[in-house]
Amino acid sequence: MKNNKTINQERVEVMALFGYEMTPCQPLSFKRRGEGEIEVTELLRTHIKFVGAIAHHIFDVMAGQRKYVLEFNSNDLSWHLFTA
């Protein structure tokens, strides 16, 4: 059976720590439009997806009891939040 979940994407502001120990980048918190700052409580997984020559760094994170996916676009330095 096919999964028909709708994925929403929005641009967000992210506070991240770059160049820390073995993790080149770690998001610490993010801010959605019209909302306060959301603190990342756990980094679950990271991976890189290439779209042409552009690297998209994907971060699966927990913020409290909710799971989020943050994506950093290395070309335009933007961050996006993906939610189902």
PDB file of N, CA and C in Angstrom:
ATOM      1  N   MET A   1       0.843  -1.175   0.000  1.00  0.00           N
ATOM      2  CA  MET A   1       0.000   0.000   0.000  1.00  0.00           C
ATOM      3  C   MET A   1       0.893   1.244   0.000  1.00  0.00           C
ATOM      4  N   LYS A   2       0.515   2.234  -0.762  1.00  0.00           N
ATOM      5  CA  LYS A   2       1.299   3.451  -0.907  1.00  0.00           C
ATOM      6  C   LYS A   2       1.018   4.412   0.243  1.00  0.00           C
ATOM      7  N   ASN A   3       2.086   5.058   0.752  1.00  0.00           N
ATOM      8  CA  ASN A   3       1.957   6.033   1.823  1.00  0.00           C
ATOM      9  C   ASN A   3       1.681   7.400   1.203  1.00  0.00           C
ATOM     10  N   ASN A   4       0.536   8.002   1.508  1.00  0.00           N
ATOM     11  CA  ASN A   4       0.143   9.264   0.903  1.00  0.00           C
ATOM     12  C   ASN A   4       0.283  10.450   1.854  1.00  0.00           C
ATOM     13  N   LYS A   5       1.282  10.455   2.707  1.00  0.00           N
ATOM     14  CA  LYS A   5       1.492  11.574   3.606  1.00  0.00           C
ATOM     15  C   LYS A   5       1.935  12.798   2.830  1.00  0.00           C
ATOM     16  N   THR A   6       1.418  13.948   3.219  1.00  0.00           N
ATOM     17  CA  THR A   6       1.840  15.206   2.627  1.00  0.00           C
ATOM     18  C   THR A   6       3.013  15.747   3.430  1.00  0.00           C
ATOM     19  N   ILE A   7       4.076  16.111   2.734  1.00  0.00           N
ATOM     20  CA  ILE A   7       5.248  16.673   3.388  1.00  0.00           C
ATOM     21  C   ILE A   7       5.202  18.188   3.213  1.00  0.00           C
ATOM     22  N   ASN A   8       5.263  18.905   4.319  1.00  0.00           N
ATOM     23  CA  ASN A   8       5.296  20.367   4.295  1.00  0.00           C
ATOM     24  C   ASN A   8       6.723  20.835   4.474  1.00  0.00           C
ATOM     25  N   GLN A   9       7.076  21.879   3.765  1.00  0.00           N
ATOM     26  CA  GLN A   9       8.421  22.451   3.844  1.00  0.00           C
ATOM     27  C   GLN A   9       8.285  23.936   4.109  1.00  0.00           C
ATOM     28  N   GLU A  10       9.087  24.436   5.051  1.00  0.00           N
ATOM     29  CA  GLU A  10       9.109  25.869   5.308  1.00  0.00           C
ATOM     30  C   GLU A  10      10.523  26.315   5.636  1.00  0.00           C
ATOM     31  N   ARG A  11      10.825  27.531   5.239  1.00  0.00           N
ATOM     32  CA  ARG A  11      12.133  28.094   5.544  1.00  0.00           C
ATOM     33  C   ARG A  11      12.138  28.521   7.005  1.00  0.00           C
ATOM     34  N   VAL A  12      13.243  28.213   7.706  1.00  0.00           N
ATOM     35  CA  VAL A  12      13.364  28.540   9.125  1.00  0.00           C
ATOM     36  C   VAL A  12      14.723  29.161   9.396  1.00  0.00           C
ATOM     37  N   GLU A  13      14.815  29.835  10.530  1.00  0.00           N
ATOM     38  CA  GLU A  13      16.088  30.343  11.032  1.00  0.00           C
ATOM     39  C   GLU A  13      16.645  29.298  11.986  1.00  0.00           C
ATOM     40  N   VAL A  14      17.933  28.986  11.841  1.00  0.00           N
ATOM     41  CA  VAL A  14      18.544  27.953  12.670  1.00  0.00           C
ATOM     42  C   VAL A  14      19.796  28.505  13.341  1.00  0.00           C
ATOM     43  N   MET A  15      19.934  28.210  14.623  1.00  0.00           N
ATOM     44  CA  MET A  15      21.167  28.469  15.357  1.00  0.00           C
ATOM     45  C   MET A  15      21.917  27.149  15.357  1.00  0.00           C
ATOM     46  N   ALA A  16      23.111  27.135  14.773  1.00  0.00           N
ATOM     47  CA  ALA A  16      23.861  25.885  14.649  1.00  0.00           C
ATOM     48  C   ALA A  16      25.300  26.088  15.100  1.00  0.00           C
ATOM     49  N   LEU A  17      25.898  25.004  15.527  1.00  0.00           N
ATOM     50  CA  LEU A  17      27.296  24.977  15.937  1.00  0.00           C
ATOM     51  C   LEU A  17      28.072  24.289  14.829  1.00  0.00           C
ATOM     52  N   PHE A  18      29.032  25.000  14.241  1.00  0.00           N
ATOM     53  CA  PHE A  18      29.828  24.455  13.146  1.00  0.00           C
ATOM     54  C   PHE A  18      31.216  24.076  13.642  1.00  0.00           C
ATOM     55  N   GLY A  19      31.728  22.956  13.123  1.00  0.00           N
ATOM     56  CA  GLY A  19      33.096  22.532  13.419  1.00  0.00           C
ATOM     57  C   GLY A  19      33.314  22.057  14.830  1.00  0.00           C
ATOM     58  N   TYR A  20      32.352  21.335  15.398  1.00  0.00           N
ATOM     59  CA  TYR A  20      32.451  20.847  16.768  1.00  0.00           C
ATOM     60  C   TYR A  20      32.827  19.373  16.771  1.00  0.00           C
ATOM     61  N   GLU A  21      33.994  19.057  17.289  1.00  0.00           N
ATOM     62  CA  GLU A  21      34.511  17.689  17.399  1.00  0.00           C
ATOM     63  C   GLU A  21      34.330  16.929  16.082  1.00  0.00           C
ATOM     64  N   MET A  22      33.685  15.775  16.109  1.00  0.00           N
ATOM     65  CA  MET A  22      33.535  14.947  14.909  1.00  0.00           C
ATOM     66  C   MET A  22      32.300  15.319  14.083  1.00  0.00           C
ATOM     67  N   THR A  23      31.476  16.220  14.604  1.00  0.00           N
ATOM     68  CA  THR A  23      30.274  16.653  13.893  1.00  0.00           C
ATOM     69  C   THR A  23      30.547  18.013  13.268  1.00  0.00           C
ATOM     70  N   PRO A  24      30.618  18.098  11.926  1.00  0.00           N
ATOM     71  CA  PRO A  24      30.920  19.382  11.289  1.00  0.00           C
ATOM     72  C   PRO A  24      29.857  20.442  11.518  1.00  0.00           C
ATOM     73  N   CYS A  25      28.597  20.026  11.718  1.00  0.00           N
ATOM     74  CA  CYS A  25      27.512  20.975  11.960  1.00  0.00           C
ATOM     75  C   CYS A  25      26.464  20.306  12.833  1.00  0.00           C
ATOM     76  N   GLN A  26      25.967  21.060  13.822  1.00  0.00           N
ATOM     77  CA  GLN A  26      24.915  20.544  14.689  1.00  0.00           C
ATOM     78  C   GLN A  26      23.896  21.647  14.950  1.00  0.00           C
ATOM     79  N   PRO A  27      22.644  21.476  14.500  1.00  0.00           N
ATOM     80  CA  PRO A  27      21.624  22.478  14.804  1.00  0.00           C
ATOM     81  C   PRO A  27      21.288  22.462  16.295  1.00  0.00           C
ATOM     82  N   LEU A  28      21.230  23.643  16.897  1.00  0.00           N
ATOM     83  CA  LEU A  28      20.944  23.768  18.327  1.00  0.00           C
ATOM     84  C   LEU A  28      19.499  24.180  18.588  1.00  0.00           C
ATOM     85  N   SER A  29      18.971  25.040  17.722  1.00  0.00           N
ATOM     86  CA  SER A  29      17.586  25.493  17.849  1.00  0.00           C
ATOM     87  C   SER A  29      17.142  26.044  16.503  1.00  0.00           C
ATOM     88  N   PHE A  30      15.823  26.197  16.358  1.00  0.00           N
ATOM     89  CA  PHE A  30      15.290  26.793  15.133  1.00  0.00           C
ATOM     90  C   PHE A  30      14.054  27.608  15.475  1.00  0.00           C
ATOM     91  N   LYS A  31      13.736  28.527  14.580  1.00  0.00           N
ATOM     92  CA  LYS A  31      12.604  29.413  14.789  1.00  0.00           C
ATOM     93  C   LYS A  31      11.728  29.392  13.547  1.00  0.00           C
ATOM     94  N   ARG A  32      10.464  29.041  13.753  1.00  0.00           N
ATOM     95  CA  ARG A  32       9.467  29.056  12.690  1.00  0.00           C
ATOM     96  C   ARG A  32       8.820  30.435  12.661  1.00  0.00           C
ATOM     97  N   ARG A  33       8.311  30.821  11.514  1.00  0.00           N
ATOM     98  CA  ARG A  33       7.654  32.115  11.372  1.00  0.00           C
ATOM     99  C   ARG A  33       6.466  32.192  12.327  1.00  0.00           C
ATOM    100  N   GLY A  34       6.428  33.258  13.102  1.00  0.00           N
ATOM    101  CA  GLY A  34       5.314  33.480  14.022  1.00  0.00           C
ATOM    102  C   GLY A  34       5.374  32.677  15.306  1.00  0.00           C
ATOM    103  N   GLU A  35       6.450  31.941  15.527  1.00  0.00           N
ATOM    104  CA  GLU A  35       6.582  31.139  16.748  1.00  0.00           C
ATOM    105  C   GLU A  35       7.883  31.486  17.461  1.00  0.00           C
ATOM    106  N   GLY A  36       7.989  31.041  18.692  1.00  0.00           N
ATOM    107  CA  GLY A  36       9.210  31.233  19.447  1.00  0.00           C
ATOM    108  C   GLY A  36      10.274  30.228  19.046  1.00  0.00           C
ATOM    109  N   GLU A  37      11.399  30.310  19.699  1.00  0.00           N
ATOM    110  CA  GLU A  37      12.523  29.418  19.411  1.00  0.00           C
ATOM    111  C   GLU A  37      12.239  28.016  19.928  1.00  0.00           C
ATOM    112  N   ILE A  38      12.581  27.011  19.123  1.00  0.00           N
ATOM    113  CA  ILE A  38      12.396  25.604  19.483  1.00  0.00           C
ATOM    114  C   ILE A  38      13.780  24.996  19.668  1.00  0.00           C
ATOM    115  N   GLU A  39      14.060  24.493  20.858  1.00  0.00           N
ATOM    116  CA  GLU A  39      15.376  23.931  21.165  1.00  0.00           C
ATOM    117  C   GLU A  39      15.473  22.482  20.711  1.00  0.00           C
ATOM    118  N   VAL A  40      16.551  22.168  19.999  1.00  0.00           N
ATOM    119  CA  VAL A  40      16.834  20.794  19.592  1.00  0.00           C
ATOM    120  C   VAL A  40      17.397  20.074  20.815  1.00  0.00           C
ATOM    121  N   THR A  41      16.734  18.995  21.221  1.00  0.00           N
ATOM    122  CA  THR A  41      17.176  18.267  22.410  1.00  0.00           C
ATOM    123  C   THR A  41      18.044  17.058  22.078  1.00  0.00           C
ATOM    124  N   GLU A  42      17.944  16.570  20.827  1.00  0.00           N
ATOM    125  CA  GLU A  42      18.750  15.407  20.444  1.00  0.00           C
ATOM    126  C   GLU A  42      18.949  15.374  18.930  1.00  0.00           C
ATOM    127  N   LEU A  43      20.176  15.100  18.520  1.00  0.00           N
ATOM    128  CA  LEU A  43      20.499  14.890  17.113  1.00  0.00           C
ATOM    129  C   LEU A  43      20.436  13.389  16.862  1.00  0.00           C
ATOM    130  N   LEU A  44      19.474  12.954  16.045  1.00  0.00           N
ATOM    131  CA  LEU A  44      19.267  11.523  15.820  1.00  0.00           C
ATOM    132  C   LEU A  44      20.138  10.969  14.704  1.00  0.00           C
ATOM    133  N   ARG A  45      20.213  11.699  13.583  1.00  0.00           N
ATOM    134  CA  ARG A  45      20.922  11.179  12.414  1.00  0.00           C
ATOM    135  C   ARG A  45      21.233  12.322  11.471  1.00  0.00           C
ATOM    136  N   THR A  46      22.323  12.196  10.756  1.00  0.00           N
ATOM    137  CA  THR A  46      22.676  13.167   9.717  1.00  0.00           C
ATOM    138  C   THR A  46      23.067  12.413   8.451  1.00  0.00           C
ATOM    139  N   HIS A  47      22.784  13.020   7.310  1.00  0.00           N
ATOM    140  CA  HIS A  47      23.261  12.475   6.048  1.00  0.00           C
ATOM    141  C   HIS A  47      23.253  13.588   5.005  1.00  0.00           C
ATOM    142  N   ILE A  48      23.878  13.335   3.882  1.00  0.00           N
ATOM    143  CA  ILE A  48      23.987  14.325   2.813  1.00  0.00           C
ATOM    144  C   ILE A  48      23.297  13.790   1.569  1.00  0.00           C
ATOM    145  N   LYS A  49      22.528  14.664   0.935  1.00  0.00           N
ATOM    146  CA  LYS A  49      21.854  14.342  -0.321  1.00  0.00           C
ATOM    147  C   LYS A  49      22.372  15.334  -1.363  1.00  0.00           C
ATOM    148  N   PHE A  50      22.823  14.827  -2.509  1.00  0.00           N
ATOM    149  CA  PHE A  50      23.309  15.699  -3.574  1.00  0.00           C
ATOM    150  C   PHE A  50      22.211  15.892  -4.609  1.00  0.00           C
ATOM    151  N   VAL A  51      21.964  17.148  -4.951  1.00  0.00           N
ATOM    152  CA  VAL A  51      21.046  17.515  -6.026  1.00  0.00           C
ATOM    153  C   VAL A  51      21.904  18.245  -7.048  1.00  0.00           C
ATOM    154  N   GLY A  52      22.304  17.519  -8.073  1.00  0.00           N
ATOM    155  CA  GLY A  52      23.302  18.064  -8.995  1.00  0.00           C
ATOM    156  C   GLY A  52      24.606  18.213  -8.237  1.00  0.00           C
ATOM    157  N   ALA A  53      25.181  19.406  -8.277  1.00  0.00           N
ATOM    158  CA  ALA A  53      26.437  19.667  -7.577  1.00  0.00           C
ATOM    159  C   ALA A  53      26.219  20.288  -6.201  1.00  0.00           C
ATOM    160  N   ILE A  54      24.953  20.411  -5.779  1.00  0.00           N
ATOM    161  CA  ILE A  54      24.639  21.072  -4.511  1.00  0.00           C
ATOM    162  C   ILE A  54      24.398  20.035  -3.420  1.00  0.00           C
ATOM    163  N   ALA A  55      25.099  20.199  -2.306  1.00  0.00           N
ATOM    164  CA  ALA A  55      24.933  19.304  -1.160  1.00  0.00           C
ATOM    165  C   ALA A  55      23.840  19.839  -0.243  1.00  0.00           C
ATOM    166  N   HIS A  56      22.920  18.940   0.127  1.00  0.00           N
ATOM    167  CA  HIS A  56      21.877  19.241   1.104  1.00  0.00           C
ATOM    168  C   HIS A  56      22.170  18.381   2.328  1.00  0.00           C
ATOM    169  N   HIS A  57      22.441  19.026   3.450  1.00  0.00           N
ATOM    170  CA  HIS A  57      22.757  18.330   4.694  1.00  0.00           C
ATOM    171  C   HIS A  57      21.449  18.138   5.462  1.00  0.00           C
ATOM    172  N   ILE A  58      21.107  16.882   5.733  1.00  0.00           N
ATOM    173  CA  ILE A  58      19.831  16.522   6.359  1.00  0.00           C
ATOM    174  C   ILE A  58      20.090  16.132   7.818  1.00  0.00           C
ATOM    175  N   PHE A  59      19.291  16.708   8.713  1.00  0.00           N
ATOM    176  CA  PHE A  59      19.416  16.444  10.145  1.00  0.00           C
ATOM    177  C   PHE A  59      18.073  15.971  10.682  1.00  0.00           C
ATOM    178  N   ASP A  60      18.027  14.750  11.194  1.00  0.00           N
ATOM    179  CA  ASP A  60      16.852  14.253  11.910  1.00  0.00           C
ATOM    180  C   ASP A  60      17.082  14.606  13.374  1.00  0.00           C
ATOM    181  N   VAL A  61      16.179  15.401  13.944  1.00  0.00           N
ATOM    182  CA  VAL A  61      16.372  15.892  15.309  1.00  0.00           C
ATOM    183  C   VAL A  61      15.105  15.699  16.134  1.00  0.00           C
ATOM    184  N   MET A  62      15.291  15.714  17.440  1.00  0.00           N
ATOM    185  CA  MET A  62      14.183  15.724  18.387  1.00  0.00           C
ATOM    186  C   MET A  62      14.174  17.079  19.075  1.00  0.00           C
ATOM    187  N   ALA A  63      12.965  17.585  19.297  1.00  0.00           N
ATOM    188  CA  ALA A  63      12.757  18.806  20.082  1.00  0.00           C
ATOM    189  C   ALA A  63      11.668  18.448  21.083  1.00  0.00           C
ATOM    190  N   GLY A  64      12.090  18.128  22.290  1.00  0.00           N
ATOM    191  CA  GLY A  64      11.144  17.601  23.265  1.00  0.00           C
ATOM    192  C   GLY A  64      10.710  16.218  22.826  1.00  0.00           C
ATOM    193  N   GLN A  65       9.413  16.019  22.628  1.00  0.00           N
ATOM    194  CA  GLN A  65       8.878  14.717  22.206  1.00  0.00           C
ATOM    195  C   GLN A  65       8.569  14.663  20.706  1.00  0.00           C
ATOM    196  N   ARG A  66       8.881  15.734  19.970  1.00  0.00           N
ATOM    197  CA  ARG A  66       8.563  15.786  18.538  1.00  0.00           C
ATOM    198  C   ARG A  66       9.811  15.602  17.678  1.00  0.00           C
ATOM    199  N   LYS A  67       9.639  14.876  16.590  1.00  0.00           N
ATOM    200  CA  LYS A  67      10.731  14.642  15.645  1.00  0.00           C
ATOM    201  C   LYS A  67      10.588  15.624  14.477  1.00  0.00           C
ATOM    202  N   TYR A  68      11.710  16.205  14.061  1.00  0.00           N
ATOM    203  CA  TYR A  68      11.742  17.138  12.945  1.00  0.00           C
ATOM    204  C   TYR A  68      12.867  16.747  11.993  1.00  0.00           C
ATOM    205  N   VAL A  69      12.750  17.219  10.755  1.00  0.00           N
ATOM    206  CA  VAL A  69      13.821  17.067   9.780  1.00  0.00           C
ATOM    207  C   VAL A  69      14.215  18.474   9.332  1.00  0.00           C
ATOM    208  N   LEU A  70      15.483  18.821   9.545  1.00  0.00           N
ATOM    209  CA  LEU A  70      16.038  20.099   9.101  1.00  0.00           C
ATOM    210  C   LEU A  70      16.984  19.832   7.944  1.00  0.00           C
ATOM    211  N   GLU A  71      16.966  20.712   6.954  1.00  0.00           N
ATOM    212  CA  GLU A  71      17.838  20.562   5.797  1.00  0.00           C
ATOM    213  C   GLU A  71      18.584  21.864   5.552  1.00  0.00           C
ATOM    214  N   PHE A  72      19.912  21.756   5.407  1.00  0.00           N
ATOM    215  CA  PHE A  72      20.769  22.903   5.117  1.00  0.00           C
ATOM    216  C   PHE A  72      21.211  22.817   3.666  1.00  0.00           C
ATOM    217  N   ASN A  73      20.926  23.864   2.894  1.00  0.00           N
ATOM    218  CA  ASN A  73      21.321  23.944   1.492  1.00  0.00           C
ATOM    219  C   ASN A  73      22.678  24.635   1.423  1.00  0.00           C
ATOM    220  N   SER A  74      23.711  23.907   0.996  1.00  0.00           N
ATOM    221  CA  SER A  74      25.077  24.456   0.993  1.00  0.00           C
ATOM    222  C   SER A  74      25.294  25.491  -0.103  1.00  0.00           C
ATOM    223  N   ASN A  75      24.375  25.583  -1.060  1.00  0.00           N
ATOM    224  CA  ASN A  75      24.522  26.556  -2.135  1.00  0.00           C
ATOM    225  C   ASN A  75      24.083  27.952  -1.697  1.00  0.00           C
ATOM    226  N   ASP A  76      22.862  28.062  -1.174  1.00  0.00           N
ATOM    227  CA  ASP A  76      22.360  29.388  -0.773  1.00  0.00           C
ATOM    228  C   ASP A  76      22.350  29.590   0.734  1.00  0.00           C
ATOM    229  N   LEU A  77      22.871  28.614   1.488  1.00  0.00           N
ATOM    230  CA  LEU A  77      23.011  28.668   2.951  1.00  0.00           C
ATOM    231  C   LEU A  77      21.674  28.805   3.674  1.00  0.00           C
ATOM    232  N   SER A  78      20.609  28.293   3.069  1.00  0.00           N
ATOM    233  CA  SER A  78      19.289  28.367   3.694  1.00  0.00           C
ATOM    234  C   SER A  78      18.984  27.078   4.455  1.00  0.00           C
ATOM    235  N   TRP A  79      18.112  27.193   5.436  1.00  0.00           N
ATOM    236  CA  TRP A  79      17.632  26.061   6.225  1.00  0.00           C
ATOM    237  C   TRP A  79      16.141  25.882   5.967  1.00  0.00           C
ATOM    238  N   HIS A  80      15.702  24.628   5.875  1.00  0.00           N
ATOM    239  CA  HIS A  80      14.295  24.319   5.699  1.00  0.00           C
ATOM    240  C   HIS A  80      13.875  23.243   6.698  1.00  0.00           C
ATOM    241  N   LEU A  81      12.648  23.352   7.158  1.00  0.00           N
ATOM    242  CA  LEU A  81      12.060  22.396   8.077  1.00  0.00           C
ATOM    243  C   LEU A  81      11.036  21.575   7.316  1.00  0.00           C
ATOM    244  N   PHE A  82      11.085  20.265   7.473  1.00  0.00           N
ATOM    245  CA  PHE A  82      10.143  19.358   6.824  1.00  0.00           C
ATOM    246  C   PHE A  82       9.297  18.689   7.889  1.00  0.00           C
ATOM    247  N   THR A  83       7.993  18.722   7.701  1.00  0.00           N
ATOM    248  CA  THR A  83       7.072  18.076   8.621  1.00  0.00           C
ATOM    249  C   THR A  83       6.039  17.293   7.831  1.00  0.00           C
ATOM    250  N   ALA A  84       5.533  16.234   8.424  1.00  0.00           N
ATOM    251  CA  ALA A  84       4.509  15.407   7.742  1.00  0.00           C
ATOM    252  C   ALA A  84       3.140  15.815   8.224  1.00  0.00           C
TER     253      ALA A  84
END
